């Protein structure tokens, strides 16, 4: 220490001694200051008993290990500041001797180091403590855009961010754009610089997006951010708007718009295929305006070409002019729909009427079928009962007739055997038989047993012929049989009017029997020139 420059040091050495009672010096181990800001160096003495603080001295340790005076604070003479710190150091509490804290203004990196605080007390002597001052150098970041970004490029530098400080600053990126960062550092005598670069593959979706560099450092109260807006050169595909609208004769205010996006903004060129633009058509940037009412001559193929130095895009639209507008078409459509609706209504009414009539006719038909069915069932039942009744009566009459016919045939056959055979009247008998046959056919619908009866009579005649009695007895029995036959016939005529046809068949049988004669118990046909017989049904026997 240079004692010539610090006269208060001799006084402190002469007065300093150690006593049995001593206080305590309180300070911080380290203090952090921010470059360019004020910093307080704290130092307190806690006295005991009757101790009094007479002076406080601050010094800084040099690179050689020695301490150089900074300031001396005396309770009687005030503060004395060394020239290197002139106007930069002042007392924190001049009226309180035990508070030896000082304020270092506008801290710089040269202020970093170890500081010593020494208290001179009476009668206890001298007490000291040390603290370390660190000066933080906050970074001063900067962001530099990269090369011009154009759609279709490969991996390209979008921006770089640099920050220098002490201690080393930390850099990061905030963005919604996909990419990758690369960081490099550079060490300086009192600071470290950090540079971060962000790379991406540009496309039109990145245009207008933000890329933010975030700097973190202990010397900053909060993170510092630097934002860069990306500009990507591109030109999107083009399309024409307005061609889908109704284009008809007389339309006013029609236009075509060339929809294309790009950076930088494109310029437009309008043309028409096989001709120039019609009169009354004006091109204003991306829009083609038809200032006059549309006519058929405005139709054709229109072309829009857009270019911005990055690329060129072209699109076209074919415009057809209709004769009628939508209002007129709607009117015609409504009229057509009205006529169709009316026609449909008439058809519906007709169909409904036909359906109702068909339903009524179907109901009547079903009712008639039910009634006819019931009627036929009733008639069938009555007819069945009648047939059953007639069948019973027919069986009873057949039994009676067979019994009577058997007796009469027996008698007649016996009588005929005694009578001489007449051969001269065969033709007449044949005619009679034919007549009888015709009469029998009229009653044939009442009885179908004539031929059966003849066969039964032939069988019975053969049986009777085998046991033929004498001629006298036959004549008496024949007469009695005729009487009984007449009585039975009269009774049958009175009680059975429905069976006259069967009785007529018996007459035919009588006439037919004239042409037979018994021989050895068998009926033989009498010789006849014709040699044939026709029964009541016209059959040849």
Protein backbone atom coordinates (compact mmCIF):
# COMPACT_ATOMS: atom_id res chain seq x y z
CA UNK A 1 0.00 0.00 0.00
CA UNK A 2 1.26 3.49 -0.77
CA UNK A 3 1.24 5.24 2.62
CA UNK A 4 2.08 8.61 1.13
CA UNK A 5 -1.29 8.57 -0.63
CA UNK A 6 -3.22 7.20 2.34
CA UNK A 7 -2.46 9.22 5.45
CA UNK A 8 -5.39 7.61 7.20
CA UNK A 9 -3.61 4.27 7.10
CA UNK A 10 -1.00 5.33 9.71
CA UNK A 11 -3.75 6.45 11.98
CA UNK A 12 -5.57 3.15 11.62
CA UNK A 13 -2.40 1.18 12.38
CA UNK A 14 -1.63 3.24 15.48
CA UNK A 15 -5.13 2.95 16.82
CA UNK A 16 -5.80 -0.67 15.89
CA UNK A 17 -5.33 -3.26 18.55
CA UNK A 18 -7.09 -6.33 19.67
CA UNK A 19 -9.22 -6.25 22.75
CA UNK A 20 -10.82 -8.84 24.81
CA UNK A 21 -14.24 -7.85 23.50
CA UNK A 22 -14.79 -7.67 19.67
CA UNK A 23 -17.68 -7.35 17.23
CA UNK A 24 -18.44 -9.14 13.96
CA UNK A 25 -18.03 -7.97 10.33
CA UNK A 26 -20.89 -9.01 8.01
CA UNK A 27 -20.69 -9.01 4.22
CA UNK A 28 -21.43 -11.20 1.10
CA UNK A 29 -19.14 -13.76 -0.39
CA UNK A 30 -19.86 -12.57 -3.97
CA UNK A 31 -21.77 -9.82 -5.66
CA UNK A 32 -22.92 -9.73 -9.27
CA UNK A 33 -23.10 -6.49 -11.18
CA UNK A 34 -24.49 -5.81 -14.63
CA UNK A 35 -22.38 -3.87 -17.05
CA UNK A 36 -23.40 -0.22 -17.01
CA UNK A 37 -25.52 -0.46 -13.86
CA UNK A 38 -24.83 0.56 -10.25
CA UNK A 39 -23.90 -2.07 -7.69
CA UNK A 40 -23.81 -2.00 -3.86
CA UNK A 41 -20.85 -3.53 -1.99
CA UNK A 42 -22.26 -4.38 1.48
CA UNK A 43 -20.20 -4.44 4.72
CA UNK A 44 -21.51 -4.15 8.35
CA UNK A 45 -19.94 -4.24 11.81
CA UNK A 46 -21.89 -5.61 14.77
CA UNK A 47 -20.22 -3.91 17.80
CA UNK A 48 -20.20 -5.39 21.32
CA UNK A 49 -20.27 -3.51 24.54
CA UNK A 50 -18.77 0.01 24.33
CA UNK A 51 -17.07 -0.49 20.98
CA UNK A 52 -17.05 2.39 18.56
CA UNK A 53 -16.20 2.44 14.85
CA UNK A 54 -13.87 5.22 13.94
CA UNK A 55 -13.05 4.43 10.29
CA UNK A 56 -13.86 2.06 7.37
CA UNK A 57 -11.41 1.44 4.51
CA UNK A 58 -12.12 -0.33 1.13
CA UNK A 59 -9.40 -1.79 -1.06
CA UNK A 60 -9.21 -3.99 -4.21
CA UNK A 61 -6.84 -6.90 -4.81
CA UNK A 62 -4.71 -6.43 -7.89
CA UNK A 63 -3.43 -9.05 -10.31
CA UNK A 64 -0.14 -9.14 -8.35
CA UNK A 65 -1.93 -10.02 -5.13
CA UNK A 66 -1.56 -6.65 -3.45
CA UNK A 67 -4.46 -4.42 -2.36
CA UNK A 68 -4.90 -0.84 -3.57
CA UNK A 69 -7.06 1.68 -1.74
CA UNK A 70 -10.46 2.53 -3.10
CA UNK A 71 -12.09 4.72 -0.44
CA UNK A 72 -11.69 5.62 3.28
CA UNK A 73 -14.74 6.51 5.36
CA UNK A 74 -13.91 8.46 8.59
CA UNK A 75 -16.49 9.40 11.17
CA UNK A 76 -14.79 12.76 11.77
CA UNK A 77 -13.35 13.74 8.37
CA UNK A 78 -15.80 12.09 5.99
CA UNK A 79 -15.00 10.06 2.79
CA UNK A 80 -11.84 10.05 0.80
CA UNK A 81 -12.04 8.42 -2.72
CA UNK A 82 -8.97 7.45 -4.68
CA UNK A 83 -8.58 9.02 -8.14
CA UNK A 84 -9.33 5.92 -10.28
CA UNK A 85 -12.76 5.75 -8.64
CA UNK A 86 -13.42 9.48 -8.44
CA UNK A 87 -17.16 10.25 -8.84
CA UNK A 88 -17.93 6.53 -9.01
CA UNK A 89 -17.97 5.58 -5.28
CA UNK A 90 -20.10 7.01 -2.50
CA UNK A 91 -21.22 6.04 1.02
CA UNK A 92 -24.39 4.09 1.47
CA UNK A 93 -25.18 5.46 4.98
CA UNK A 94 -22.79 8.30 6.02
CA UNK A 95 -24.53 8.88 9.36
CA UNK A 96 -24.17 5.27 10.53
CA UNK A 97 -20.51 4.35 11.31
CA UNK A 98 -21.25 0.66 11.63
CA UNK A 99 -22.56 0.56 8.00
CA UNK A 100 -19.51 0.58 5.82
CA UNK A 101 -21.34 -0.27 2.56
CA UNK A 102 -20.46 1.65 -0.61
CA UNK A 103 -22.12 2.08 -4.02
CA UNK A 104 -20.08 1.53 -7.21
CA UNK A 105 -21.66 3.43 -10.09
CA UNK A 106 -21.78 2.39 -13.75
CA UNK A 107 -20.03 -0.89 -13.31
CA UNK A 108 -17.59 -1.95 -15.99
CA UNK A 109 -15.80 -5.20 -16.66
CA UNK A 110 -12.61 -3.74 -15.07
CA UNK A 111 -14.44 -3.51 -11.78
CA UNK A 112 -14.46 -7.29 -11.43
CA UNK A 113 -12.28 -8.63 -8.64
CA UNK A 114 -11.92 -9.18 -4.84
CA UNK A 115 -12.68 -6.29 -2.51
CA UNK A 116 -11.73 -6.00 1.23
CA UNK A 117 -13.67 -4.09 3.88
CA UNK A 118 -11.71 -3.16 7.11
CA UNK A 119 -13.25 -1.61 10.28
CA UNK A 120 -11.11 0.36 12.80
CA UNK A 121 -12.78 0.23 16.22
CA UNK A 122 -11.92 1.51 19.69
CA UNK A 123 -10.84 -0.15 21.89
CA UNK A 124 -11.23 -3.58 20.10
CA UNK A 125 -9.01 -2.76 17.12
CA UNK A 126 -9.24 -3.64 13.39
CA UNK A 127 -11.62 -6.17 11.69
CA UNK A 128 -11.87 -7.01 7.99
CA UNK A 129 -13.88 -9.14 5.46
CA UNK A 130 -13.65 -9.83 1.71
CA UNK A 131 -16.20 -10.24 -1.16
CA UNK A 132 -15.93 -10.99 -4.86
CA UNK A 133 -17.50 -8.75 -7.49
CA UNK A 134 -18.53 -10.19 -10.85
CA UNK A 135 -19.61 -7.90 -13.65
CA UNK A 136 -22.08 -9.44 -16.07
CA UNK A 137 -21.87 -8.35 -19.66
CA UNK A 138 -25.43 -8.80 -21.15
CA UNK A 139 -25.40 -9.82 -24.77
CA UNK A 140 -26.26 -7.43 -27.55
CA UNK A 141 -27.88 -9.84 -30.05
CA UNK A 142 -28.37 -9.25 -33.73
CA UNK A 143 -30.28 -11.17 -36.44
CA UNK A 144 -29.18 -11.25 -40.03
CA UNK A 145 -31.43 -12.63 -42.84
CA UNK A 146 -29.97 -15.28 -45.08
CA UNK A 147 -30.03 -15.53 -48.85
CA UNK A 148 -33.11 -14.88 -50.98
CA UNK A 149 -35.50 -17.79 -50.47
CA UNK A 150 -37.16 -19.19 -53.58
CA UNK A 151 -39.53 -22.10 -53.89
CA UNK A 152 -37.76 -25.08 -55.36
CA UNK A 153 -34.41 -24.40 -53.72
CA UNK A 154 -32.68 -26.98 -51.60
CA UNK A 155 -31.53 -26.51 -48.02
CA UNK A 156 -30.91 -22.77 -47.58
CA UNK A 157 -29.84 -20.45 -44.74
CA UNK A 158 -32.91 -18.52 -43.65
CA UNK A 159 -31.33 -16.32 -40.90
CA UNK A 160 -28.49 -16.16 -38.36
CA UNK A 161 -28.57 -14.79 -34.80
CA UNK A 162 -25.44 -13.59 -32.88
CA UNK A 163 -25.03 -12.60 -29.20
CA UNK A 164 -21.87 -11.75 -27.21
CA UNK A 165 -21.72 -11.60 -23.44
CA UNK A 166 -20.23 -12.69 -20.18
CA UNK A 167 -20.96 -15.38 -19.19
CA UNK A 168 -21.81 -17.27 -22.39
CA UNK A 169 -25.33 -16.38 -23.68
CA UNK A 170 -27.79 -19.08 -24.78
CA UNK A 171 -29.58 -18.87 -28.16
CA UNK A 172 -32.68 -20.75 -29.40
CA UNK A 173 -35.32 -20.46 -32.16
CA UNK A 174 -39.09 -20.16 -32.01
CA UNK A 175 -40.94 -20.81 -35.28
CA UNK A 176 -43.64 -22.94 -36.89
CA UNK A 177 -41.43 -23.46 -39.92
CA UNK A 178 -39.73 -26.82 -40.09
CA UNK A 179 -35.94 -26.57 -40.22
CA UNK A 180 -32.73 -27.15 -38.26
CA UNK A 181 -30.30 -24.92 -36.34
CA UNK A 182 -26.49 -24.94 -36.19
CA UNK A 183 -24.59 -23.10 -33.40
CA UNK A 184 -20.94 -21.94 -33.13
CA UNK A 185 -19.08 -19.93 -30.41
CA UNK A 186 -16.08 -17.56 -30.23
CA UNK A 187 -14.16 -16.75 -26.98
CA UNK A 188 -12.92 -13.19 -26.32
CA UNK A 189 -10.78 -11.83 -23.40
CA UNK A 190 -13.73 -10.71 -21.30
CA UNK A 191 -16.72 -12.29 -23.15
CA UNK A 192 -17.95 -15.09 -25.42
CA UNK A 193 -19.91 -14.63 -28.65
CA UNK A 194 -22.46 -17.22 -29.85
CA UNK A 195 -23.91 -17.49 -33.40
CA UNK A 196 -26.89 -19.71 -34.33
CA UNK A 197 -27.93 -20.33 -37.97
CA UNK A 198 -31.31 -21.66 -39.09
CA UNK A 199 -31.60 -23.71 -42.31
CA UNK A 200 -34.76 -24.78 -44.17
CA UNK A 201 -36.10 -25.95 -47.55
CA UNK A 202 -38.24 -23.03 -48.78
CA UNK A 203 -41.71 -23.41 -50.23
CA UNK A 204 -44.65 -21.06 -50.74
CA UNK A 205 -46.33 -22.08 -47.46
CA UNK A 206 -43.43 -20.48 -45.54
CA UNK A 207 -43.93 -17.07 -47.04
CA UNK A 208 -44.97 -14.62 -44.32
CA UNK A 209 -44.12 -16.99 -41.47
CA UNK A 210 -41.99 -15.72 -38.55
CA UNK A 211 -38.57 -16.92 -37.37
CA UNK A 212 -37.67 -15.72 -33.83
CA UNK A 213 -34.28 -15.83 -32.13
CA UNK A 214 -34.50 -16.11 -28.32
CA UNK A 215 -31.52 -14.96 -26.17
CA UNK A 216 -31.15 -16.04 -22.54
CA UNK A 217 -28.47 -14.57 -20.17
CA UNK A 218 -28.04 -13.93 -16.42
CA UNK A 219 -27.53 -10.27 -17.15
CA UNK A 220 -30.98 -10.00 -18.68
CA UNK A 221 -34.04 -9.65 -16.48
CA UNK A 222 -36.05 -11.58 -19.10
CA UNK A 223 -35.40 -13.35 -22.36
CA UNK A 224 -34.75 -11.16 -25.34
CA UNK A 225 -36.38 -12.01 -28.70
CA UNK A 226 -35.62 -10.88 -32.24
CA UNK A 227 -38.20 -11.78 -34.92
CA UNK A 228 -37.64 -12.14 -38.64
CA UNK A 229 -40.43 -12.52 -41.26
CA UNK A 230 -39.62 -15.01 -43.97
CA UNK A 231 -40.03 -13.97 -47.58
CA UNK A 232 -40.15 -16.84 -50.05
CA UNK A 233 -40.32 -16.13 -53.75
CA UNK A 234 -42.95 -18.27 -55.52
CA UNK A 235 -45.84 -18.22 -57.98
CA UNK A 236 -48.83 -20.53 -57.47
CA UNK A 237 -50.97 -22.17 -60.14
CA UNK A 238 -53.50 -19.88 -61.81
CA UNK A 239 -57.24 -20.32 -62.27
CA UNK A 240 -60.03 -18.18 -63.69
CA UNK A 241 -62.99 -17.17 -61.53
CA UNK A 242 -66.31 -16.08 -63.00
CA UNK A 243 -66.56 -18.56 -65.86
CA UNK A 244 -68.91 -20.74 -63.80
CA UNK A 245 -71.50 -17.95 -63.65
CA UNK A 246 -74.38 -17.52 -66.13
CA UNK A 247 -73.29 -15.75 -69.29
CA UNK A 248 -76.30 -14.69 -71.37
CA UNK A 249 -77.18 -11.97 -73.82
CA UNK A 250 -77.82 -8.65 -72.09
CA UNK A 251 -76.01 -9.46 -68.83
CA UNK A 252 -74.40 -6.41 -67.18
CA UNK A 253 -71.33 -6.34 -64.90
CA UNK A 254 -69.72 -9.60 -66.01
CA UNK A 255 -66.02 -10.12 -65.23
CA UNK A 256 -63.21 -12.70 -65.14
CA UNK A 257 -60.59 -12.80 -62.37
CA UNK A 258 -57.20 -14.47 -62.63
CA UNK A 259 -56.65 -16.15 -59.25
CA UNK A 260 -52.91 -16.61 -58.63
CA UNK A 261 -50.68 -15.95 -55.62
CA UNK A 262 -47.01 -15.12 -55.60
CA UNK A 263 -44.10 -13.19 -54.10
CA UNK A 264 -43.28 -10.74 -55.44
CA UNK A 265 -46.70 -9.82 -56.82
CA UNK A 266 -47.17 -10.96 -60.42
CA UNK A 267 -48.12 -8.89 -63.43
CA UNK A 268 -50.97 -10.01 -65.72
CA UNK A 269 -51.55 -10.18 -69.47
CA UNK A 270 -55.03 -10.87 -70.98
CA UNK A 271 -55.64 -12.21 -74.49
CA UNK A 272 -58.34 -14.04 -76.47
CA UNK A 273 -57.71 -17.01 -78.76
CA UNK A 274 -58.08 -16.26 -82.47
CA UNK A 275 -58.88 -12.62 -81.91
CA UNK A 276 -58.41 -9.47 -79.88
CA UNK A 277 -60.34 -8.50 -76.80
CA UNK A 278 -63.89 -7.33 -77.63
CA UNK A 279 -64.78 -3.67 -77.52
CA UNK A 280 -65.94 -2.50 -74.11
CA UNK A 281 -63.69 -5.00 -72.29
CA UNK A 282 -61.08 -3.54 -69.91
CA UNK A 283 -58.18 -5.33 -68.19
CA UNK A 284 -57.33 -4.07 -64.69
CA UNK A 285 -54.54 -6.16 -63.19
CA UNK A 286 -55.90 -9.61 -62.37
CA UNK A 287 -59.48 -8.74 -63.49
CA UNK A 288 -61.03 -8.53 -66.96
CA UNK A 289 -64.15 -6.32 -66.85
CA UNK A 290 -66.96 -6.39 -69.47
CA UNK A 291 -68.20 -2.81 -69.31
CA UNK A 292 -71.02 -3.22 -71.88
CA UNK A 293 -73.96 -5.65 -71.85
CA UNK A 294 -72.89 -9.04 -73.13
CA UNK A 295 -73.72 -10.22 -76.64
CA UNK A 296 -72.90 -13.31 -78.68
CA UNK A 297 -69.69 -11.70 -79.99
CA UNK A 298 -68.19 -11.69 -76.46
CA UNK A 299 -67.93 -15.49 -76.41
CA UNK A 300 -64.64 -17.29 -76.92
CA UNK A 301 -61.55 -18.61 -75.12
CA UNK A 302 -59.85 -16.06 -72.81
CA UNK A 303 -56.25 -16.50 -71.58
CA UNK A 304 -54.65 -15.01 -68.45
CA UNK A 305 -50.83 -15.04 -68.11
CA UNK A 306 -49.19 -14.14 -64.76
CA UNK A 307 -45.45 -13.62 -64.16
CA UNK A 308 -43.34 -12.30 -61.23
CA UNK A 309 -39.75 -13.05 -62.23
CA UNK A 310 -39.77 -16.31 -60.27
CA UNK A 311 -42.09 -18.21 -62.60
CA UNK A 312 -44.84 -17.78 -65.20
CA UNK A 313 -48.32 -19.26 -65.00
CA UNK A 314 -51.10 -19.38 -67.61
CA UNK A 315 -54.77 -20.35 -67.52
CA UNK A 316 -57.74 -20.14 -69.91
CA UNK A 317 -61.53 -20.28 -69.87
CA UNK A 318 -64.10 -20.92 -72.61
CA UNK A 319 -67.06 -18.54 -72.38
CA UNK A 320 -70.36 -19.51 -74.05
CA UNK A 321 -73.15 -16.96 -74.32
CA UNK A 322 -76.68 -18.24 -73.72
CA UNK A 323 -79.75 -16.68 -75.31
CA UNK A 324 -81.84 -16.65 -72.13
CA UNK A 325 -80.97 -15.61 -68.62
CA UNK A 326 -81.67 -17.57 -65.44
CA UNK A 327 -84.88 -15.63 -64.73
CA UNK A 328 -86.28 -16.42 -68.16
CA UNK A 329 -85.19 -20.06 -67.88
CA UNK A 330 -86.79 -20.33 -64.46
CA UNK A 331 -90.01 -18.86 -65.86
CA UNK A 332 -90.08 -21.40 -68.68
CA UNK A 333 -89.23 -24.16 -66.24
CA UNK A 334 -92.05 -23.10 -63.92
CA UNK A 335 -94.51 -23.05 -66.82
CA UNK A 336 -93.35 -26.49 -67.91
CA UNK A 337 -93.54 -27.81 -64.36
CA UNK A 338 -97.01 -26.29 -64.00
CA UNK A 339 -98.25 -28.03 -67.15
CA UNK A 340 -96.61 -31.27 -66.09
CA UNK A 341 -98.14 -30.90 -62.62
CA UNK A 342 -101.58 -30.30 -64.12
CA UNK A 343 -101.14 -33.27 -66.45
CA UNK A 344 -99.96 -35.37 -63.58
CA UNK A 345 -102.96 -34.25 -61.52
CA UNK A 346 -105.33 -35.28 -64.31
CA UNK A 347 -103.56 -38.60 -64.67
CA UNK A 348 -103.67 -39.07 -60.91
CA UNK A 349 -107.39 -38.34 -60.81
CA UNK A 350 -107.97 -40.74 -63.72
CA UNK A 351 -105.89 -43.43 -62.09
CA UNK A 352 -107.69 -42.96 -58.79
CA UNK A 353 -111.09 -43.10 -60.53
CA UNK A 354 -110.13 -46.25 -62.40
CA UNK A 355 -108.81 -47.76 -59.20
CA UNK A 356 -112.04 -46.94 -57.35
CA UNK A 357 -114.19 -48.37 -60.17
CA UNK A 358 -112.00 -51.45 -60.37
CA UNK A 359 -112.29 -51.86 -56.62
CA UNK A 360 -116.07 -51.59 -56.75
CA UNK A 361 -116.28 -54.06 -59.66
CA UNK A 362 -113.94 -56.42 -57.85
CA UNK A 363 -116.10 -56.22 -54.73
CA UNK A 364 -119.24 -56.87 -56.81
CA UNK A 365 -117.50 -59.78 -58.56
CA UNK A 366 -116.42 -61.28 -55.27
CA UNK A 367 -119.93 -60.84 -53.85
CA UNK A 368 -121.44 -62.45 -56.99
CA UNK A 369 -118.98 -65.34 -56.77
CA UNK A 370 -119.88 -65.86 -53.12
CA UNK A 371 -123.62 -65.79 -53.91
CA UNK A 372 -123.22 -68.11 -56.92
CA UNK A 373 -121.13 -70.47 -54.85
CA UNK A 374 -123.73 -70.58 -52.13
CA UNK A 375 -126.49 -71.03 -54.74
CA UNK A 376 -124.65 -73.92 -56.39
CA UNK A 377 -123.97 -75.52 -53.07
CA UNK A 378 -127.62 -75.30 -52.17
CA UNK A 379 -128.73 -76.65 -55.59
CA UNK A 380 -126.13 -79.40 -55.46
CA UNK A 381 -127.36 -80.41 -52.06
CA UNK A 382 -131.00 -80.43 -53.27
CA UNK A 383 -130.04 -82.36 -56.42
CA UNK A 384 -128.12 -84.89 -54.34
CA UNK A 385 -131.10 -85.36 -52.09
CA UNK A 386 -133.37 -85.73 -55.16
CA UNK A 387 -131.04 -88.20 -56.84
CA UNK A 388 -130.83 -90.20 -53.64
CA UNK A 389 -134.62 -90.21 -53.41
CA UNK A 390 -134.99 -91.23 -57.08
CA UNK A 391 -132.35 -93.90 -56.63
CA UNK A 392 -134.25 -95.41 -53.71
CA UNK A 393 -137.50 -95.32 -55.66
CA UNK A 394 -135.79 -96.74 -58.74
CA UNK A 395 -134.35 -99.64 -56.78
CA UNK A 396 -137.75 -100.41 -55.23
CA UNK A 397 -139.56 -100.20 -58.61
CA UNK A 398 -136.86 -102.26 -60.27
CA UNK A 399 -137.36 -105.01 -57.70
CA UNK A 400 -141.14 -104.90 -58.21
CA UNK A 401 -140.80 -104.83 -61.99
CA UNK A 402 -138.39 -107.73 -62.03
CA UNK A 403 -140.69 -109.79 -59.86
CA UNK A 404 -143.75 -109.07 -62.06
CA UNK A 405 -141.82 -109.47 -65.31
CA UNK A 406 -140.49 -112.83 -64.25
CA UNK A 407 -143.95 -114.18 -63.59
CA UNK A 408 -145.47 -112.78 -66.79
CA UNK A 409 -142.58 -113.92 -68.96
CA UNK A 410 -142.93 -117.43 -67.62
CA UNK A 411 -146.60 -117.52 -68.48
CA UNK A 412 -146.15 -115.91 -71.90
CA UNK A 413 -143.39 -118.23 -72.86
CA UNK A 414 -145.52 -121.21 -72.00
CA UNK A 415 -148.45 -119.87 -74.05
CA UNK A 416 -146.27 -119.09 -77.05
CA UNK A 417 -144.95 -122.61 -77.12
CA UNK A 418 -148.50 -123.95 -77.57
CA UNK A 419 -149.33 -121.48 -80.34
CA UNK A 420 -148.38 -122.17 -83.92
CA UNK A 421 -145.40 -120.16 -85.22
CA UNK A 422 -146.24 -117.47 -87.73
CA UNK A 423 -143.63 -116.94 -90.31
CA UNK A 424 -145.48 -114.75 -92.77
CA UNK A 425 -145.70 -111.67 -90.61
CA UNK A 426 -142.03 -111.30 -89.67
CA UNK A 427 -141.52 -108.04 -91.52
CA UNK A 428 -144.49 -106.54 -89.73
CA UNK A 429 -143.16 -107.73 -86.43
CA UNK A 430 -139.81 -106.19 -87.30
CA UNK A 431 -141.46 -102.90 -88.06
CA UNK A 432 -143.35 -103.11 -84.78
CA UNK A 433 -140.15 -103.80 -83.02
CA UNK A 434 -138.49 -100.83 -84.68
CA UNK A 435 -141.37 -98.63 -83.61
CA UNK A 436 -141.15 -100.00 -80.11
CA UNK A 437 -137.43 -99.33 -80.16
CA UNK A 438 -137.98 -95.71 -81.14
CA UNK A 439 -140.57 -95.33 -78.40
CA UNK A 440 -138.18 -96.95 -75.97
CA UNK A 441 -135.47 -94.44 -76.84
CA UNK A 442 -137.79 -91.63 -75.81
CA UNK A 443 -138.02 -93.09 -72.34
CA UNK A 444 -134.40 -94.24 -72.27
CA UNK A 445 -133.42 -91.20 -70.12
CA UNK A 446 -135.61 -92.56 -67.30
CA UNK A 447 -134.25 -96.12 -67.22
CA UNK A 448 -131.04 -97.73 -68.47
CA UNK A 449 -131.83 -101.33 -67.51
CA UNK A 450 -133.67 -102.60 -70.63
CA UNK A 451 -130.83 -104.68 -72.02
CA UNK A 452 -130.02 -105.95 -68.54
CA UNK A 453 -133.67 -106.90 -68.09
CA UNK A 454 -133.64 -108.84 -71.38
CA UNK A 455 -130.55 -110.72 -70.26
CA UNK A 456 -132.14 -111.50 -66.89
CA UNK A 457 -135.32 -112.67 -68.61
CA UNK A 458 -133.29 -114.95 -70.93
CA UNK A 459 -131.55 -116.47 -67.92
CA UNK A 460 -134.82 -117.00 -66.05
CA UNK A 461 -136.46 -118.43 -69.19
CA UNK A 462 -133.71 -121.04 -69.53
CA UNK A 463 -134.26 -122.04 -65.88
CA UNK A 464 -138.05 -122.24 -66.35
CA UNK A 465 -137.79 -124.14 -69.63
CA UNK A 466 -135.86 -126.94 -67.96
CA UNK A 467 -138.85 -127.57 -65.71
CA UNK A 468 -141.71 -126.80 -68.19
CA UNK A 469 -145.15 -128.23 -67.06
CA UNK A 470 -147.89 -129.56 -69.24
CA UNK A 471 -149.75 -127.45 -71.79
CA UNK A 472 -152.99 -127.30 -69.83
CA UNK A 473 -151.36 -126.10 -66.71
CA UNK A 474 -149.40 -123.53 -68.75
CA UNK A 475 -152.57 -122.17 -70.28
CA UNK A 476 -154.25 -121.77 -66.90
CA UNK A 477 -151.19 -120.16 -65.39
CA UNK A 478 -150.94 -117.90 -68.42
CA UNK A 479 -154.44 -116.65 -68.02
CA UNK A 480 -154.01 -116.13 -64.32
CA UNK A 481 -150.68 -114.38 -64.93
CA UNK A 482 -152.28 -112.07 -67.48
CA UNK A 483 -154.99 -111.14 -64.98
CA UNK A 484 -152.44 -110.56 -62.26
CA UNK A 485 -150.24 -108.67 -64.68
CA UNK A 486 -153.09 -106.38 -65.66
CA UNK A 487 -153.84 -105.69 -61.99
CA UNK A 488 -150.19 -105.00 -61.21
CA UNK A 489 -149.83 -102.82 -64.32
CA UNK A 490 -152.83 -100.76 -63.34
CA UNK A 491 -151.45 -100.34 -59.82
CA UNK A 492 -148.03 -99.38 -61.15
CA UNK A 493 -149.54 -96.89 -63.58
CA UNK A 494 -151.44 -95.27 -60.70
CA UNK A 495 -148.55 -95.19 -58.22
CA UNK A 496 -145.50 -94.72 -60.49
CA UNK A 497 -146.05 -92.17 -63.22
CA UNK A 498 -142.34 -91.37 -63.41
CA UNK A 499 -141.51 -94.85 -64.77
CA UNK A 500 -143.72 -95.07 -67.96
CA UNK A 501 -140.69 -95.43 -70.14
CA UNK A 502 -139.76 -98.66 -68.39
CA UNK A 503 -143.27 -100.09 -69.07
CA UNK A 504 -142.99 -99.25 -72.74
CA UNK A 505 -139.75 -101.18 -72.81
CA UNK A 506 -141.70 -104.22 -71.52
CA UNK A 507 -144.06 -103.97 -74.56
CA UNK A 508 -141.01 -104.01 -76.79
CA UNK A 509 -139.78 -107.08 -74.94
CA UNK A 510 -143.18 -108.82 -75.57
CA UNK A 511 -142.96 -108.21 -79.27
CA UNK A 512 -139.35 -109.35 -79.26
CA UNK A 513 -140.28 -112.61 -77.57
CA UNK A 514 -142.45 -113.56 -80.59
CA UNK A 515 -139.26 -114.22 -82.48
CA UNK A 516 -137.89 -116.86 -80.02
CA UNK A 517 -138.87 -120.46 -79.27
CA UNK A 518 -137.71 -122.76 -76.47
CA UNK A 519 -135.64 -125.79 -77.31
CA UNK A 520 -134.15 -128.09 -74.68
CA UNK A 521 -134.46 -125.36 -72.06
CA UNK A 522 -132.95 -122.65 -74.30
CA UNK A 523 -134.56 -119.81 -76.30
CA UNK A 524 -133.75 -120.11 -79.99
CA UNK A 525 -134.33 -117.48 -82.66
CA UNK A 526 -137.07 -118.33 -85.04
CA UNK A 527 -136.11 -118.57 -88.72
CA UNK A 528 -136.40 -115.17 -90.39
CA UNK A 529 -135.50 -113.88 -93.77
CA UNK A 530 -133.74 -110.81 -92.35
CA UNK A 531 -132.07 -112.56 -89.43
CA UNK A 532 -131.46 -109.45 -87.27
CA UNK A 533 -133.06 -107.47 -84.46
CA UNK A 534 -132.56 -103.87 -83.38
CA UNK A 535 -133.25 -103.08 -79.71
CA UNK A 536 -134.49 -99.82 -78.18
CA UNK A 537 -131.03 -98.18 -78.22
CA UNK A 538 -130.45 -99.06 -81.86
CA UNK A 539 -128.00 -101.85 -81.03
CA UNK A 540 -127.76 -104.89 -83.33
CA UNK A 541 -128.56 -108.12 -81.45
